[in-house]
Amino acid sequence: MQVRARPPFAVELTAAYNPIAGPASADFGLPLMTNPDPRPVKRTPSESWDSWRQGDPAPRPTSTGLSWFRCYRDSAAVFVITCGAGGTLGFADWTEVAAESAQGQFGDESAFNAILADERRLWYRIEWSAAVSAPDFHLTDNEFGGQYWDTPNDRYGWGWGGGGNPPAKVIDNYFMHPRNSSKASHGRSSRCQIHINNPVGSVRWVQRLETAPANW
């Protein structure tokens, strides 16, 4: 699980490409996005699209030999996940190392076994499910709470006996906007498609195994 020197399609870590200085600014509260957001790390004319797309797969030296995981498909939807903290690179034993012609990674069997003895491994069985959230889940401003109001005088409750304005959240209102947009007003939902956290399915259950299973 080492870290790449540069991942594919890497973008800069700049937090605000279009900062607004304050209320005195002419564009205060207007997300004009005059500067591209985000920006690629490699964007000079001398660097190619392929280089940016592929990234740099070389591992960062400070991230190697620390942890790994491997996944074994036990049945149609059940998997065994093995997590390791150590430098064996996920090889179960020296037989696996030899089968993959990876002896050069460790030197010899005794060196590998020394690394293995200092490693910690955990095994889990999980079941995957195709169930996902509805496409419009968390894309609506549809809470019916009456704690927020369009006018300050009505802020603490709706006058059910008459008078007062309806709560600001009473109407279903579909909208999409970036998380950094200033479009949402105070007290309203600021929801967008980023809140959908299971676009490729869900894990139905997780079982911690006390010992290594027969196959992993």
Protein backbone atom coordinates (compact mmCIF):
# COMPACT_ATOMS: atom_id res chain seq x y z
CA MET A 1 0.00 0.00 0.00
CA GLN A 2 2.86 2.33 -0.77
CA VAL A 3 2.13 5.83 -1.99
CA ARG A 4 2.85 6.76 -5.59
CA ALA A 5 5.25 9.58 -6.31
CA ARG A 6 2.40 11.11 -8.32
CA PRO A 7 -1.04 9.53 -8.82
CA PRO A 8 -2.86 9.52 -12.18
CA PHE A 9 -4.63 12.77 -13.03
CA ALA A 10 -3.04 14.51 -10.04
CA VAL A 11 -4.37 17.96 -9.20
CA GLU A 12 -2.87 20.69 -7.06
CA LEU A 13 -3.73 20.91 -3.37
CA THR A 14 -4.58 24.59 -3.49
CA ALA A 15 -7.68 25.14 -1.35
CA ALA A 16 -9.01 28.31 -2.98
CA TYR A 17 -8.19 29.26 -6.55
CA ASN A 18 -10.76 32.05 -6.50
CA PRO A 19 -10.48 33.64 -3.05
CA ILE A 20 -12.73 36.57 -2.15
CA ALA A 21 -10.92 39.00 0.13
CA GLY A 22 -13.96 40.22 2.06
CA PRO A 23 -17.22 42.21 1.89
CA ALA A 24 -15.41 45.13 0.27
CA SER A 25 -14.54 42.98 -2.75
CA ALA A 26 -16.61 43.67 -5.86
CA ASP A 27 -17.28 39.95 -6.32
CA PHE A 28 -18.02 39.18 -2.66
CA GLY A 29 -20.45 36.26 -2.43
CA LEU A 30 -20.24 35.57 -6.18
CA PRO A 31 -18.52 32.27 -7.06
CA LEU A 32 -17.40 33.49 -10.48
CA MET A 33 -14.70 30.82 -10.84
CA THR A 34 -12.55 33.05 -13.06
CA ASN A 35 -9.53 30.82 -12.39
CA PRO A 36 -9.67 27.11 -13.31
CA ASP A 37 -10.54 24.99 -10.28
CA PRO A 38 -8.94 22.53 -9.78
CA ARG A 39 -5.69 22.64 -11.73
CA PRO A 40 -3.49 19.71 -12.80
CA VAL A 41 -0.09 19.30 -11.21
CA LYS A 42 1.56 18.88 -14.63
CA ARG A 43 0.35 21.65 -16.88
CA THR A 44 3.40 23.10 -18.66
CA PRO A 45 3.54 22.83 -22.47
CA SER A 46 6.56 20.51 -22.30
CA GLU A 47 4.62 17.83 -20.42
CA SER A 48 2.24 15.51 -22.21
CA TRP A 49 -1.31 14.42 -21.52
CA ASP A 50 -0.15 10.80 -21.22
CA SER A 51 2.36 11.69 -18.51
CA TRP A 52 -0.37 13.42 -16.49
CA ARG A 53 -2.85 10.60 -17.12
CA GLN A 54 -0.45 7.83 -16.08
CA GLY A 55 1.19 9.59 -13.14
CA ASP A 56 4.45 8.37 -11.65
CA PRO A 57 4.03 4.82 -10.27
CA ALA A 58 7.40 4.85 -8.47
CA PRO A 59 6.71 4.41 -4.73
CA ARG A 60 7.74 7.08 -2.28
CA PRO A 61 10.60 5.55 -0.25
CA THR A 62 9.07 6.62 3.06
CA SER A 63 5.86 4.68 2.31
CA THR A 64 7.24 1.23 1.43
CA GLY A 65 7.28 -1.84 3.66
CA LEU A 66 4.63 -0.50 6.01
CA SER A 67 1.30 -2.10 5.12
CA TRP A 68 -0.58 -4.06 2.47
CA PHE A 69 -3.87 -5.82 1.81
CA ARG A 70 -5.06 -8.57 -0.50
CA CYS A 71 -8.52 -9.72 -1.51
CA TYR A 72 -9.68 -13.28 -2.21
CA ARG A 73 -13.08 -13.99 -3.76
CA ASP A 74 -14.55 -16.85 -1.75
CA SER A 75 -17.93 -16.96 -3.53
CA ALA A 76 -20.06 -14.82 -5.81
CA ALA A 77 -20.40 -11.95 -3.32
CA VAL A 78 -18.24 -13.01 -0.34
CA PHE A 79 -14.61 -11.96 -0.08
CA VAL A 80 -11.74 -12.53 2.34
CA ILE A 81 -9.79 -9.36 3.01
CA THR A 82 -6.33 -9.72 4.55
CA CYS A 83 -4.68 -6.65 6.05
CA GLY A 84 -1.01 -6.71 6.95
CA ALA A 85 1.27 -4.33 8.82
CA GLY A 86 4.80 -5.24 7.82
CA GLY A 87 7.15 -5.75 4.92
CA THR A 88 6.15 -9.09 3.35
CA LEU A 89 4.31 -7.25 0.55
CA GLY A 90 1.35 -9.58 1.10
CA PHE A 91 3.09 -12.87 0.31
CA ALA A 92 1.69 -15.60 2.57
CA ASP A 93 4.97 -17.56 2.73
CA TRP A 94 8.23 -18.21 0.90
CA THR A 95 6.48 -20.67 -1.46
CA GLU A 96 4.37 -17.80 -2.81
CA VAL A 97 7.47 -15.62 -3.13
CA ALA A 98 9.23 -18.29 -5.21
CA ALA A 99 6.12 -18.92 -7.34
CA GLU A 100 6.10 -15.24 -8.32
CA SER A 101 9.91 -15.15 -8.82
CA ALA A 102 10.09 -12.37 -6.24
CA GLN A 103 13.07 -13.67 -4.26
CA GLY A 104 15.00 -10.52 -5.13
CA GLN A 105 12.57 -8.48 -3.04
CA PHE A 106 13.76 -10.17 0.17
CA GLY A 107 17.13 -11.80 -0.49
CA ASP A 108 16.56 -15.27 0.89
CA GLU A 109 14.01 -17.32 2.82
CA SER A 110 15.49 -16.58 6.24
CA ALA A 111 15.29 -12.83 5.63
CA PHE A 112 11.67 -13.18 4.53
CA ASN A 113 10.79 -15.26 7.59
CA ALA A 114 12.34 -12.64 9.86
CA ILE A 115 10.12 -9.98 8.28
CA LEU A 116 7.12 -12.31 8.54
CA ALA A 117 7.73 -12.91 12.25
CA ASP A 118 7.60 -9.17 12.88
CA GLU A 119 4.40 -8.66 10.90
CA ARG A 120 0.80 -8.37 12.08
CA ARG A 121 -2.03 -9.78 9.95
CA LEU A 122 -5.81 -9.55 10.27
CA TRP A 123 -8.44 -11.42 8.26
CA TYR A 124 -12.02 -10.38 7.51
CA ARG A 125 -14.89 -11.96 5.57
CA ILE A 126 -17.26 -9.52 3.96
CA GLU A 127 -20.31 -9.74 1.74
CA TRP A 128 -20.82 -7.22 -1.03
CA SER A 129 -24.29 -6.03 -2.04
CA ALA A 130 -25.35 -4.18 -5.17
CA ALA A 131 -27.70 -2.00 -3.10
CA VAL A 132 -26.99 1.70 -3.51
CA SER A 133 -28.66 4.95 -2.54
CA ALA A 134 -31.31 6.48 -4.78
CA PRO A 135 -29.81 8.73 -7.49
CA ASP A 136 -31.41 11.78 -5.88
CA PHE A 137 -30.53 10.89 -2.28
CA HIS A 138 -29.22 13.96 -0.45
CA LEU A 139 -29.87 16.13 -3.50
CA THR A 140 -33.02 17.65 -2.04
CA ASP A 141 -33.64 20.46 0.38
CA ASN A 142 -36.73 18.81 1.83
CA GLU A 143 -36.49 18.90 5.62
CA PHE A 144 -39.81 19.98 7.11
CA GLY A 145 -38.35 21.42 10.30
CA GLY A 146 -39.71 24.84 11.25
CA GLN A 147 -36.64 26.13 13.02
CA TYR A 148 -35.47 28.25 10.08
CA TRP A 149 -37.43 31.13 8.60
CA ASP A 150 -37.17 33.58 5.79
CA THR A 151 -37.77 36.54 8.10
CA PRO A 152 -36.08 37.16 11.47
CA ASN A 153 -39.41 37.79 13.27
CA ASP A 154 -40.63 34.28 12.46
CA ARG A 155 -37.37 32.49 13.22
CA TYR A 156 -38.51 30.55 16.30
CA GLY A 157 -41.74 28.93 15.16
CA TRP A 158 -44.50 28.87 12.60
CA GLY A 159 -47.71 30.59 13.64
CA TRP A 160 -50.07 27.64 13.22
CA GLY A 161 -53.01 29.75 14.41
CA GLY A 162 -52.46 32.20 11.58
CA GLY A 163 -49.87 34.70 10.55
CA GLY A 164 -46.22 34.17 9.89
CA ASN A 165 -44.52 32.89 6.78
CA PRO A 166 -44.10 29.20 5.93
CA PRO A 167 -40.75 27.72 6.98
CA ALA A 168 -37.93 28.10 4.50
CA LYS A 169 -37.45 24.33 4.28
CA VAL A 170 -41.03 23.33 3.54
CA ILE A 171 -40.61 23.14 -0.25
CA ASP A 172 -38.73 20.34 -2.02
CA ASN A 173 -36.08 22.05 -4.08
CA TYR A 174 -33.70 20.05 -6.24
CA PHE A 175 -30.33 21.61 -6.82
CA MET A 176 -26.74 20.69 -7.52
CA HIS A 177 -23.76 22.89 -6.84
CA PRO A 178 -20.14 22.48 -5.76
CA ARG A 179 -19.39 22.08 -2.09
CA ASN A 180 -17.45 25.35 -2.12
CA SER A 181 -20.29 27.33 -3.67
CA SER A 182 -21.75 30.28 -1.81
CA LYS A 183 -25.17 29.70 -3.38
CA ALA A 184 -26.68 28.06 -0.28
CA SER A 185 -28.16 30.47 2.21
CA HIS A 186 -27.61 30.26 5.96
CA GLY A 187 -29.65 27.54 7.64
CA ARG A 188 -30.48 25.69 4.43
CA SER A 189 -29.09 22.36 3.25
CA SER A 190 -25.92 22.44 1.21
CA ARG A 191 -26.22 19.06 -0.40
CA CYS A 192 -24.76 17.78 -3.64
CA GLN A 193 -23.90 14.56 -5.45
CA ILE A 194 -20.68 14.22 -3.43
CA HIS A 195 -22.81 13.08 -0.48
CA ILE A 196 -23.68 9.83 -2.28
CA ASN A 197 -21.12 7.56 -0.63
CA ASN A 198 -21.83 4.13 -2.13
CA PRO A 199 -22.00 4.47 -5.94
CA VAL A 200 -20.54 0.95 -6.48
CA GLY A 201 -22.54 -0.98 -3.88
CA SER A 202 -22.46 -1.63 -0.16
CA VAL A 203 -20.85 -4.04 2.29
CA ARG A 204 -23.68 -6.09 3.81
CA TRP A 205 -21.68 -7.47 6.74
CA VAL A 206 -18.12 -7.79 8.06
CA GLN A 207 -16.85 -10.80 10.05
CA ARG A 208 -13.50 -10.66 11.88
CA LEU A 209 -11.72 -14.03 11.66
CA GLU A 210 -9.68 -15.26 14.62
CA THR A 211 -7.26 -17.27 12.48
CA ALA A 212 -6.21 -17.39 8.85
CA PRO A 213 -8.77 -19.14 6.59
CA ALA A 214 -7.76 -21.97 4.28
CA ASN A 215 -7.70 -19.66 1.27
CA TRP A 216 -6.84 -15.99 1.29
